[in-house]
Amino acid sequence: MESFLVSTGIVALAEIGDKTQLLAFILAAKFRKPVPIVLGILVATIANHACAGALGAWVTTLLAPETLRWVLGLSFLGMAVWTLIPDKFDEADAQLAKYGVFGTTLVAFFLAEMGDKTQVATVALAAQYQAFFSVVAGTTFGMMLANVPAVLLGDRIADKMPVRLVHTIAAGIFALLGIATLLGAGESLGF
């Protein structure tokens, strides 16, 4: 349960103001069809985060526990710094309208998530907790918590969200995870 809750919280916070959330705002404004947009986000996130979670689980089979602990600890600290860097949105991410609303959302979100901080966080969390399903479910739920309101409420909440504060809180959580991991938290999990 801890892996689900931590994964949900970290990704929901990290996603605020992220390029994929900006993509959700743009798709909602462009198409004004929330159901296929939300379903596209869900399917894209499940596929993307399942791949990331599988990579995280696989990494644990390659590295010795002590090495894995250092890699994960430093990765979480890197994520803390990365979370504080504002994302830039590329308009090309939303230029796939020939695939329909669902298809455009699916392809755009899947591609936008490639190498994104929430995907990297999913890799690290899956390796940290060694709980593929609960981490992928948690990170997916976190993405939906951040993006569904963006689709449904669009411009009404965009300007009211304290993005810098949310990013600072997410960075703090990543930093705490990194420090805790480096200090040996999770040794009962084998690293």
C-alpha atoms as a PDB file:
ATOM      1  CA  MET A   1       0.000   0.000   0.000  1.00  0.00           C
ATOM      2  CA  GLU A   2       2.909   2.352   0.773  1.00  0.00           C
ATOM      3  CA  SER A   3       4.289   1.957  -2.755  1.00  0.00           C
ATOM      4  CA  PHE A   4       0.887   2.872  -4.230  1.00  0.00           C
ATOM      5  CA  LEU A   5       0.409   5.922  -2.000  1.00  0.00           C
ATOM      6  CA  VAL A   6       3.943   7.271  -2.406  1.00  0.00           C
ATOM      7  CA  SER A   7       3.813   6.712  -6.177  1.00  0.00           C
ATOM      8  CA  THR A   8       0.446   8.458  -6.411  1.00  0.00           C
ATOM      9  CA  GLY A   9       1.518  11.434  -4.336  1.00  0.00           C
ATOM     10  CA  ILE A  10       4.866  11.986  -6.005  1.00  0.00           C
ATOM     11  CA  VAL A  11       3.540  11.776  -9.557  1.00  0.00           C
ATOM     12  CA  ALA A  12       0.447  13.892  -8.830  1.00  0.00           C
ATOM     13  CA  LEU A  13       2.641  16.640  -7.373  1.00  0.00           C
ATOM     14  CA  ALA A  14       5.355  16.340 -10.032  1.00  0.00           C
ATOM     15  CA  GLU A  15       2.740  16.503 -12.789  1.00  0.00           C
ATOM     16  CA  ILE A  16       1.408  19.918 -11.733  1.00  0.00           C
ATOM     17  CA  GLY A  17       2.701  22.339 -14.351  1.00  0.00           C
ATOM     18  CA  ASP A  18       4.434  19.520 -16.248  1.00  0.00           C
ATOM     19  CA  LYS A  19       4.400  19.538 -20.053  1.00  0.00           C
ATOM     20  CA  THR A  20       1.857  16.720 -20.157  1.00  0.00           C
ATOM     21  CA  GLN A  21      -0.488  18.708 -17.933  1.00  0.00           C
ATOM     22  CA  LEU A  22      -0.031  21.661 -20.272  1.00  0.00           C
ATOM     23  CA  LEU A  23      -0.821  19.257 -23.115  1.00  0.00           C
ATOM     24  CA  ALA A  24      -4.034  18.256 -21.296  1.00  0.00           C
ATOM     25  CA  PHE A  25      -5.055  21.934 -21.068  1.00  0.00           C
ATOM     26  CA  ILE A  26      -4.392  22.470 -24.776  1.00  0.00           C
ATOM     27  CA  LEU A  27      -6.207  19.315 -25.905  1.00  0.00           C
ATOM     28  CA  ALA A  28      -9.192  20.239 -23.741  1.00  0.00           C
ATOM     29  CA  ALA A  29      -9.319  23.729 -25.213  1.00  0.00           C
ATOM     30  CA  LYS A  30      -8.830  22.477 -28.764  1.00  0.00           C
ATOM     31  CA  PHE A  31     -11.280  19.562 -28.829  1.00  0.00           C
ATOM     32  CA  ARG A  32     -13.710  20.292 -25.961  1.00  0.00           C
ATOM     33  CA  LYS A  33     -14.449  16.555 -25.630  1.00  0.00           C
ATOM     34  CA  PRO A  34     -13.297  15.548 -22.137  1.00  0.00           C
ATOM     35  CA  VAL A  35     -14.219  11.838 -22.173  1.00  0.00           C
ATOM     36  CA  PRO A  36     -12.013  10.747 -25.110  1.00  0.00           C
ATOM     37  CA  ILE A  37      -9.216  13.005 -23.832  1.00  0.00           C
ATOM     38  CA  VAL A  38      -9.340  11.477 -20.339  1.00  0.00           C
ATOM     39  CA  LEU A  39      -9.484   7.952 -21.794  1.00  0.00           C
ATOM     40  CA  GLY A  40      -6.538   8.732 -24.082  1.00  0.00           C
ATOM     41  CA  ILE A  41      -4.525  10.015 -21.117  1.00  0.00           C
ATOM     42  CA  LEU A  42      -5.395   6.887 -19.112  1.00  0.00           C
ATOM     43  CA  VAL A  43      -4.427   4.403 -21.841  1.00  0.00           C
ATOM     44  CA  ALA A  44      -1.232   6.305 -22.738  1.00  0.00           C
ATOM     45  CA  THR A  45      -0.213   6.541 -19.086  1.00  0.00           C
ATOM     46  CA  ILE A  46      -0.845   2.861 -18.375  1.00  0.00           C
ATOM     47  CA  ALA A  47       1.219   1.840 -21.416  1.00  0.00           C
ATOM     48  CA  ASN A  48       4.025   4.303 -20.711  1.00  0.00           C
ATOM     49  CA  HIS A  49       4.256   3.656 -16.991  1.00  0.00           C
ATOM     50  CA  ALA A  50       3.989  -0.117 -17.425  1.00  0.00           C
ATOM     51  CA  CYS A  51       7.084   0.045 -19.650  1.00  0.00           C
ATOM     52  CA  ALA A  52       8.819   2.284 -17.108  1.00  0.00           C
ATOM     53  CA  GLY A  53       7.827   0.024 -14.203  1.00  0.00           C
ATOM     54  CA  ALA A  54       9.095  -3.036 -16.075  1.00  0.00           C
ATOM     55  CA  LEU A  55      12.404  -1.257 -16.665  1.00  0.00           C
ATOM     56  CA  GLY A  56      12.625  -0.403 -12.969  1.00  0.00           C
ATOM     57  CA  ALA A  57      11.913  -4.003 -11.979  1.00  0.00           C
ATOM     58  CA  TRP A  58      14.495  -5.260 -14.484  1.00  0.00           C
ATOM     59  CA  VAL A  59      17.179  -2.885 -13.184  1.00  0.00           C
ATOM     60  CA  THR A  60      16.895  -4.484  -9.747  1.00  0.00           C
ATOM     61  CA  THR A  61      17.983  -7.810 -11.258  1.00  0.00           C
ATOM     62  CA  LEU A  62      21.136  -6.258 -12.761  1.00  0.00           C
ATOM     63  CA  LEU A  63      22.616  -4.337  -9.861  1.00  0.00           C
ATOM     64  CA  ALA A  64      23.955  -5.437  -6.519  1.00  0.00           C
ATOM     65  CA  PRO A  65      21.866  -4.144  -3.598  1.00  0.00           C
ATOM     66  CA  GLU A  66      24.511  -1.613  -2.479  1.00  0.00           C
ATOM     67  CA  THR A  67      24.948  -0.265  -6.030  1.00  0.00           C
ATOM     68  CA  LEU A  68      21.179  -0.107  -6.517  1.00  0.00           C
ATOM     69  CA  ARG A  69      20.816   1.851  -3.290  1.00  0.00           C
ATOM     70  CA  TRP A  70      23.272   4.496  -4.530  1.00  0.00           C
ATOM     71  CA  VAL A  71      21.755   4.641  -8.016  1.00  0.00           C
ATOM     72  CA  LEU A  72      18.252   5.063  -6.603  1.00  0.00           C
ATOM     73  CA  GLY A  73      19.276   7.563  -3.942  1.00  0.00           C
ATOM     74  CA  LEU A  74      21.101   9.739  -6.458  1.00  0.00           C
ATOM     75  CA  SER A  75      18.235   9.339  -8.944  1.00  0.00           C
ATOM     76  CA  PHE A  76      15.711  10.616  -6.404  1.00  0.00           C
ATOM     77  CA  LEU A  77      17.988  13.580  -5.607  1.00  0.00           C
ATOM     78  CA  GLY A  78      18.290  14.271  -9.344  1.00  0.00           C
ATOM     79  CA  MET A  79      14.501  14.132  -9.630  1.00  0.00           C
ATOM     80  CA  ALA A  80      14.258  16.704  -6.826  1.00  0.00           C
ATOM     81  CA  VAL A  81      16.362  19.144  -8.841  1.00  0.00           C
ATOM     82  CA  TRP A  82      14.602  18.326 -12.123  1.00  0.00           C
ATOM     83  CA  THR A  83      11.192  18.954 -10.545  1.00  0.00           C
ATOM     84  CA  LEU A  84      12.212  22.545  -9.823  1.00  0.00           C
ATOM     85  CA  ILE A  85      13.007  23.226 -13.502  1.00  0.00           C
ATOM     86  CA  PRO A  86       9.913  24.518 -15.355  1.00  0.00           C
ATOM     87  CA  ASP A  87       8.787  22.491 -18.366  1.00  0.00           C
ATOM     88  CA  LYS A  88       8.426  23.936 -21.826  1.00  0.00           C
ATOM     89  CA  PHE A  89       5.551  22.772 -23.989  1.00  0.00           C
ATOM     90  CA  ASP A  90       6.099  22.078 -27.670  1.00  0.00           C
ATOM     91  CA  GLU A  91       3.012  22.909 -29.759  1.00  0.00           C
ATOM     92  CA  ALA A  92       3.952  20.012 -32.071  1.00  0.00           C
ATOM     93  CA  ASP A  93       2.857  17.641 -29.284  1.00  0.00           C
ATOM     94  CA  ALA A  94      -0.767  18.640 -29.933  1.00  0.00           C
ATOM     95  CA  GLN A  95      -0.651  18.614 -33.764  1.00  0.00           C
ATOM     96  CA  LEU A  96      -1.917  15.070 -34.347  1.00  0.00           C
ATOM     97  CA  ALA A  97      -5.606  15.854 -34.958  1.00  0.00           C
ATOM     98  CA  LYS A  98      -5.826  13.476 -37.926  1.00  0.00           C
ATOM     99  CA  TYR A  99      -6.089  10.589 -35.416  1.00  0.00           C
ATOM    100  CA  GLY A 100      -9.279  11.883 -33.758  1.00  0.00           C
ATOM    101  CA  VAL A 101      -9.568  13.110 -30.188  1.00  0.00           C
ATOM    102  CA  PHE A 102      -8.783   9.790 -28.467  1.00  0.00           C
ATOM    103  CA  GLY A 103      -5.980   8.851 -30.875  1.00  0.00           C
ATOM    104  CA  THR A 104      -4.418  12.303 -30.767  1.00  0.00           C
ATOM    105  CA  THR A 105      -4.456  12.290 -26.975  1.00  0.00           C
ATOM    106  CA  LEU A 106      -3.103   8.736 -26.789  1.00  0.00           C
ATOM    107  CA  VAL A 107      -0.193   9.352 -29.162  1.00  0.00           C
ATOM    108  CA  ALA A 108       0.611  12.853 -27.892  1.00  0.00           C
ATOM    109  CA  PHE A 109       0.586  11.805 -24.223  1.00  0.00           C
ATOM    110  CA  PHE A 110       2.581   8.637 -24.788  1.00  0.00           C
ATOM    111  CA  LEU A 111       5.263  10.543 -26.711  1.00  0.00           C
ATOM    112  CA  ALA A 112       5.285  13.507 -24.328  1.00  0.00           C
ATOM    113  CA  GLU A 113       5.829  11.148 -21.378  1.00  0.00           C
ATOM    114  CA  MET A 114       8.899   9.534 -22.960  1.00  0.00           C
ATOM    115  CA  GLY A 115      11.837  10.567 -20.790  1.00  0.00           C
ATOM    116  CA  ASP A 116       9.618  12.882 -18.748  1.00  0.00           C
ATOM    117  CA  LYS A 117      10.206  13.227 -15.012  1.00  0.00           C
ATOM    118  CA  THR A 118       7.103  11.190 -14.144  1.00  0.00           C
ATOM    119  CA  GLN A 119       8.300   8.321 -16.357  1.00  0.00           C
ATOM    120  CA  VAL A 120      11.766   8.442 -14.789  1.00  0.00           C
ATOM    121  CA  ALA A 121      10.139   8.580 -11.350  1.00  0.00           C
ATOM    122  CA  THR A 122       8.135   5.464 -12.232  1.00  0.00           C
ATOM    123  CA  VAL A 123      11.345   3.614 -13.124  1.00  0.00           C
ATOM    124  CA  ALA A 124      12.957   4.649  -9.832  1.00  0.00           C
ATOM    125  CA  LEU A 125       9.870   3.889  -7.721  1.00  0.00           C
ATOM    126  CA  ALA A 126       9.439   0.453  -9.299  1.00  0.00           C
ATOM    127  CA  ALA A 127      13.082  -0.305  -8.530  1.00  0.00           C
ATOM    128  CA  GLN A 128      12.802   1.138  -5.018  1.00  0.00           C
ATOM    129  CA  TYR A 129       9.663  -0.724  -3.983  1.00  0.00           C
ATOM    130  CA  GLN A 130       9.957  -3.808  -6.194  1.00  0.00           C
ATOM    131  CA  ALA A 131       6.176  -3.700  -6.483  1.00  0.00           C
ATOM    132  CA  PHE A 132       5.454  -3.338 -10.195  1.00  0.00           C
ATOM    133  CA  PHE A 133       1.647  -3.336 -10.108  1.00  0.00           C
ATOM    134  CA  SER A 134       1.158  -1.024  -7.142  1.00  0.00           C
ATOM    135  CA  VAL A 135       3.761   1.447  -8.436  1.00  0.00           C
ATOM    136  CA  VAL A 136       2.279   1.524 -11.958  1.00  0.00           C
ATOM    137  CA  ALA A 137      -1.233   1.812 -10.504  1.00  0.00           C
ATOM    138  CA  GLY A 138      -0.060   4.599  -8.180  1.00  0.00           C
ATOM    139  CA  THR A 139       1.798   6.586 -10.828  1.00  0.00           C
ATOM    140  CA  THR A 140      -1.116   6.198 -13.235  1.00  0.00           C
ATOM    141  CA  PHE A 141      -3.573   7.338 -10.569  1.00  0.00           C
ATOM    142  CA  GLY A 142      -1.287  10.301  -9.780  1.00  0.00           C
ATOM    143  CA  MET A 143      -1.255  11.275 -13.467  1.00  0.00           C
ATOM    144  CA  MET A 144      -5.030  11.097 -13.575  1.00  0.00           C
ATOM    145  CA  LEU A 145      -5.374  13.147 -10.376  1.00  0.00           C
ATOM    146  CA  ALA A 146      -3.333  15.931 -11.954  1.00  0.00           C
ATOM    147  CA  ASN A 147      -4.652  15.740 -15.523  1.00  0.00           C
ATOM    148  CA  VAL A 148      -8.386  15.019 -15.241  1.00  0.00           C
ATOM    149  CA  PRO A 149      -9.062  18.360 -13.510  1.00  0.00           C
ATOM    150  CA  ALA A 150      -6.914  20.029 -16.186  1.00  0.00           C
ATOM    151  CA  VAL A 151      -9.161  18.517 -18.859  1.00  0.00           C
ATOM    152  CA  LEU A 152     -12.439  19.192 -17.063  1.00  0.00           C
ATOM    153  CA  LEU A 153     -11.739  22.643 -15.661  1.00  0.00           C
ATOM    154  CA  GLY A 154      -9.121  23.882 -18.118  1.00  0.00           C
ATOM    155  CA  ASP A 155      -8.442  27.588 -17.984  1.00  0.00           C
ATOM    156  CA  ARG A 156     -10.508  28.091 -14.831  1.00  0.00           C
ATOM    157  CA  ILE A 157      -7.843  26.421 -12.652  1.00  0.00           C
ATOM    158  CA  ALA A 158      -4.670  26.981 -14.675  1.00  0.00           C
ATOM    159  CA  ASP A 159      -4.003  30.453 -13.308  1.00  0.00           C
ATOM    160  CA  LYS A 160      -5.012  29.632  -9.731  1.00  0.00           C
ATOM    161  CA  MET A 161      -2.619  26.698  -9.212  1.00  0.00           C
ATOM    162  CA  PRO A 162       0.433  27.572  -7.070  1.00  0.00           C
ATOM    163  CA  VAL A 163       2.737  25.638  -9.420  1.00  0.00           C
ATOM    164  CA  ARG A 164       6.001  26.770  -7.821  1.00  0.00           C
ATOM    165  CA  LEU A 165       4.819  25.716  -4.354  1.00  0.00           C
ATOM    166  CA  VAL A 166       3.609  22.331  -5.629  1.00  0.00           C
ATOM    167  CA  HIS A 167       6.926  21.736  -7.430  1.00  0.00           C
ATOM    168  CA  THR A 168       8.843  22.679  -4.284  1.00  0.00           C
ATOM    169  CA  ILE A 169       6.829  20.168  -2.230  1.00  0.00           C
ATOM    170  CA  ALA A 170       7.373  17.442  -4.859  1.00  0.00           C
ATOM    171  CA  ALA A 171      11.103  18.244  -4.970  1.00  0.00           C
ATOM    172  CA  GLY A 172      11.226  17.991  -1.183  1.00  0.00           C
ATOM    173  CA  ILE A 173       9.591  14.569  -1.261  1.00  0.00           C
ATOM    174  CA  PHE A 174      12.035  13.360  -3.941  1.00  0.00           C
ATOM    175  CA  ALA A 175      14.947  14.723  -1.880  1.00  0.00           C
ATOM    176  CA  LEU A 176      13.701  12.966   1.263  1.00  0.00           C
ATOM    177  CA  LEU A 177      13.343   9.701  -0.653  1.00  0.00           C
ATOM    178  CA  GLY A 178      16.861  10.133  -2.026  1.00  0.00           C
ATOM    179  CA  ILE A 179      18.407  10.851   1.366  1.00  0.00           C
ATOM    180  CA  ALA A 180      16.457   8.049   3.045  1.00  0.00           C
ATOM    181  CA  THR A 181      17.533   5.613   0.339  1.00  0.00           C
ATOM    182  CA  LEU A 182      21.185   6.661   0.615  1.00  0.00           C
ATOM    183  CA  LEU A 183      20.999   6.270   4.400  1.00  0.00           C
ATOM    184  CA  GLY A 184      19.746   2.705   4.030  1.00  0.00           C
ATOM    185  CA  ALA A 185      15.964   2.963   4.078  1.00  0.00           C
ATOM    186  CA  GLY A 186      14.614  -0.007   2.182  1.00  0.00           C
ATOM    187  CA  GLU A 187      17.341  -2.412   3.305  1.00  0.00           C
ATOM    188  CA  SER A 188      14.609  -4.849   4.234  1.00  0.00           C
ATOM    189  CA  LEU A 189      13.689  -4.811   0.515  1.00  0.00           C
ATOM    190  CA  GLY A 190      17.148  -6.031  -0.424  1.00  0.00           C
ATOM    191  CA  PHE A 191      19.014  -2.792  -1.150  1.00  0.00           C
END
